[in-house]
Protein backbone atom coordinates (compact mmCIF):
# COMPACT_ATOMS: atom_id res chain seq x y z
CA MET A 1 -1.39 25.65 -4.23
CA GLN A 2 1.63 23.67 -5.49
CA SER A 3 1.16 20.24 -7.11
CA TYR A 4 3.62 17.37 -6.88
CA LYS A 5 2.79 14.55 -9.31
CA SER A 6 4.03 11.00 -9.52
CA GLU A 7 4.72 9.24 -12.77
CA LEU A 8 1.96 6.98 -14.09
CA HIS A 9 2.17 3.56 -12.42
CA ALA A 10 0.77 0.34 -13.83
CA VAL A 11 -1.90 -1.40 -11.74
CA SER A 12 -2.57 -5.06 -12.49
CA HIS A 13 -6.35 -4.71 -12.13
CA PRO A 14 -9.09 -3.19 -14.28
CA VAL A 15 -9.86 0.41 -13.35
CA ASN A 16 -13.13 -0.46 -11.52
CA ILE A 17 -11.36 -3.02 -9.27
CA ALA A 18 -8.45 -0.63 -8.66
CA PHE A 19 -10.92 2.10 -7.68
CA GLU A 20 -12.78 -0.27 -5.36
CA ARG A 21 -9.55 -1.17 -3.57
CA LEU A 22 -8.12 2.35 -3.36
CA SER A 23 -11.37 3.90 -2.13
CA ASP A 24 -11.23 1.68 0.98
CA LEU A 25 -8.04 2.45 2.89
CA THR A 26 -8.22 -0.74 4.98
CA VAL A 27 -6.48 -2.33 1.99
CA LEU A 28 -3.32 -0.67 3.34
CA ALA A 29 -3.76 -2.46 6.65
CA ASN A 30 -3.97 -5.74 4.74
CA LEU A 31 -0.78 -4.86 2.90
CA LYS A 32 0.87 -3.98 6.21
CA GLU A 33 -0.05 -7.39 7.68
CA LYS A 34 1.49 -9.16 4.68
CA LEU A 35 4.63 -7.00 4.63
CA ASN A 36 7.06 -9.84 5.37
CA SER A 37 5.43 -12.42 3.11
CA PRO A 38 7.31 -13.59 0.00
CA GLU A 39 4.65 -11.97 -2.23
CA ALA A 40 5.02 -8.59 -0.51
CA THR A 41 8.81 -8.85 -0.59
CA SER A 42 8.59 -9.50 -4.32
CA LYS A 43 6.32 -6.47 -4.78
CA LEU A 44 8.57 -4.26 -2.65
CA GLU A 45 11.48 -5.19 -4.91
CA GLN A 46 9.52 -3.61 -7.79
CA ILE A 47 9.71 -0.24 -6.03
CA PRO A 48 12.75 1.83 -6.98
CA GLU A 49 15.52 1.26 -4.46
CA THR A 50 15.63 4.93 -3.44
CA TYR A 51 12.08 4.61 -2.02
CA ARG A 52 12.08 1.01 -0.76
CA GLY A 53 13.28 1.61 2.83
CA THR A 54 11.02 4.61 3.31
CA VAL A 55 8.02 2.75 1.91
CA LYS A 56 8.53 -0.24 4.20
CA SER A 57 9.00 1.86 7.35
CA THR A 58 6.00 4.04 6.44
CA LEU A 59 3.78 1.00 5.88
CA GLU A 60 4.86 -0.47 9.23
CA ALA A 61 3.86 2.76 11.03
CA ILE A 62 0.61 3.46 9.19
CA LYS A 63 -2.79 3.30 10.89
CA CYS A 64 -5.91 3.23 8.78
CA ASP A 65 -9.61 2.60 8.55
CA LYS A 66 -12.01 2.69 5.58
CA ASP A 67 -11.91 6.48 5.17
CA SER A 68 -8.62 7.65 6.69
CA LEU A 69 -4.96 6.89 7.19
CA SER A 70 -2.56 8.28 9.76
CA VAL A 71 1.17 8.33 9.36
CA GLN A 72 4.17 9.87 11.09
CA SER A 73 5.98 12.39 8.94
CA PRO A 74 8.88 14.77 9.49
CA LEU A 75 6.13 17.32 10.20
CA GLY A 76 4.50 15.16 12.88
CA ALA A 77 1.46 12.87 12.75
CA ILE A 78 -0.76 13.55 9.75
CA THR A 79 -4.18 12.07 9.03
CA LEU A 80 -5.48 11.96 5.48
CA ARG A 81 -9.25 11.54 5.19
CA ILE A 82 -11.17 10.68 2.02
CA ILE A 83 -13.37 13.62 1.11
CA GLU A 84 -14.44 12.59 -2.38
CA ARG A 85 -14.90 9.41 -4.40
CA LYS A 86 -15.81 9.51 -8.10
CA ALA A 87 -16.01 6.00 -9.48
CA PRO A 88 -13.99 4.75 -11.21
CA ASN A 89 -11.36 7.45 -11.63
CA LEU A 90 -10.80 9.59 -8.56
CA VAL A 91 -10.23 9.39 -4.81
CA ARG A 92 -9.48 12.70 -3.07
CA LEU A 93 -8.06 13.00 0.45
CA GLN A 94 -7.57 16.03 2.69
CA ALA A 95 -5.05 16.31 5.53
CA GLU A 96 -6.07 16.89 9.13
CA ASN A 97 -3.58 18.08 11.75
CA ALA A 98 -1.06 19.10 9.09
CA PRO A 99 1.06 22.19 9.61
CA ILE A 100 0.21 23.32 6.05
CA PRO A 101 -2.93 22.87 3.92
CA LEU A 102 -2.37 19.53 2.19
CA GLY A 103 -4.40 17.27 -0.07
CA MET A 104 -3.85 14.19 -2.19
CA THR A 105 -5.64 12.94 -5.28
CA LEU A 106 -5.47 9.40 -6.66
CA ASN A 107 -6.18 9.50 -10.39
CA LEU A 108 -7.02 6.22 -12.11
CA SER A 109 -7.41 5.54 -15.81
CA ALA A 110 -8.12 2.42 -17.81
CA ASP A 111 -5.19 0.89 -19.64
CA GLY A 112 -6.85 -1.96 -21.48
CA GLU A 113 -9.46 -4.34 -20.13
CA GLN A 114 -7.36 -5.93 -17.39
CA THR A 115 -5.00 -3.16 -16.28
CA SER A 116 -5.11 0.48 -15.29
CA LYS A 117 -2.80 3.40 -14.51
CA LEU A 118 -2.45 5.35 -11.27
CA GLN A 119 -1.06 8.81 -10.64
CA VAL A 120 -0.76 10.38 -7.20
CA VAL A 121 -0.94 14.17 -6.96
CA ILE A 122 -0.07 15.90 -3.69
CA GLU A 123 -1.26 19.48 -3.38
CA ALA A 124 0.18 21.75 -0.73
CA GLU A 125 -0.14 25.41 0.05
CA VAL A 126 3.47 26.40 0.58
CA ASN A 127 4.94 29.89 0.75
CA MET A 128 8.04 30.78 -1.31
CA PHE A 129 10.38 30.35 1.65
CA MET A 130 9.14 26.83 2.48
CA ARG A 131 8.83 25.69 -1.14
CA GLY A 132 12.55 24.95 -1.45
CA MET A 133 12.50 22.82 1.69
CA VAL A 134 9.37 20.77 0.98
CA SER A 135 9.39 20.35 -2.81
CA GLY A 136 11.85 17.44 -2.80
CA PRO A 137 10.22 15.49 0.03
CA LEU A 138 6.69 16.01 -1.37
CA SER A 139 7.77 14.90 -4.86
CA LYS A 140 9.36 11.78 -3.36
CA ALA A 141 6.25 11.17 -1.27
CA ALA A 142 4.01 11.29 -4.37
CA GLU A 143 6.25 8.83 -6.21
CA GLY A 144 6.63 6.51 -3.21
CA LEU A 145 2.89 6.47 -2.51
CA ALA A 146 2.13 5.72 -6.15
CA SER A 147 4.58 2.82 -6.05
CA VAL A 148 2.90 1.34 -2.99
CA LEU A 149 -0.69 2.01 -4.01
CA ALA A 150 -0.12 0.47 -7.44
CA MET A 151 0.56 -2.85 -5.65
CA VAL A 152 -2.87 -3.11 -4.01
């Protein structure tokens, strides 16, 4: 299993509030609805320019409920379902309908009383031949997801 980790991203909420929001994926639907608001535009500008277009188009295409999110990827439609919640530090998701075994972990840690840190880790079982083709996109996906999720 290969791991692709994002950098640590600042979240402007205490760790317990951040966990509460990230363990209910409908928060992404709320973000999607507000995508063209001045507040969302301001938050999108905080995302590195290399990810901004991809993040916006991904958010527009995402479908989610409390426990799962579905998104179109270069590999086809993928659904990520929450399989584990450990308050206040961990939310683990597992892919369904993915061409390779794929999982994602959201790691939260306190960073003072009013802020926290988020790291996204994508884990994929990739053979040596495929590793060269998917390493870049999966690393970018981890970083892009962390950028978006840190805004909620």
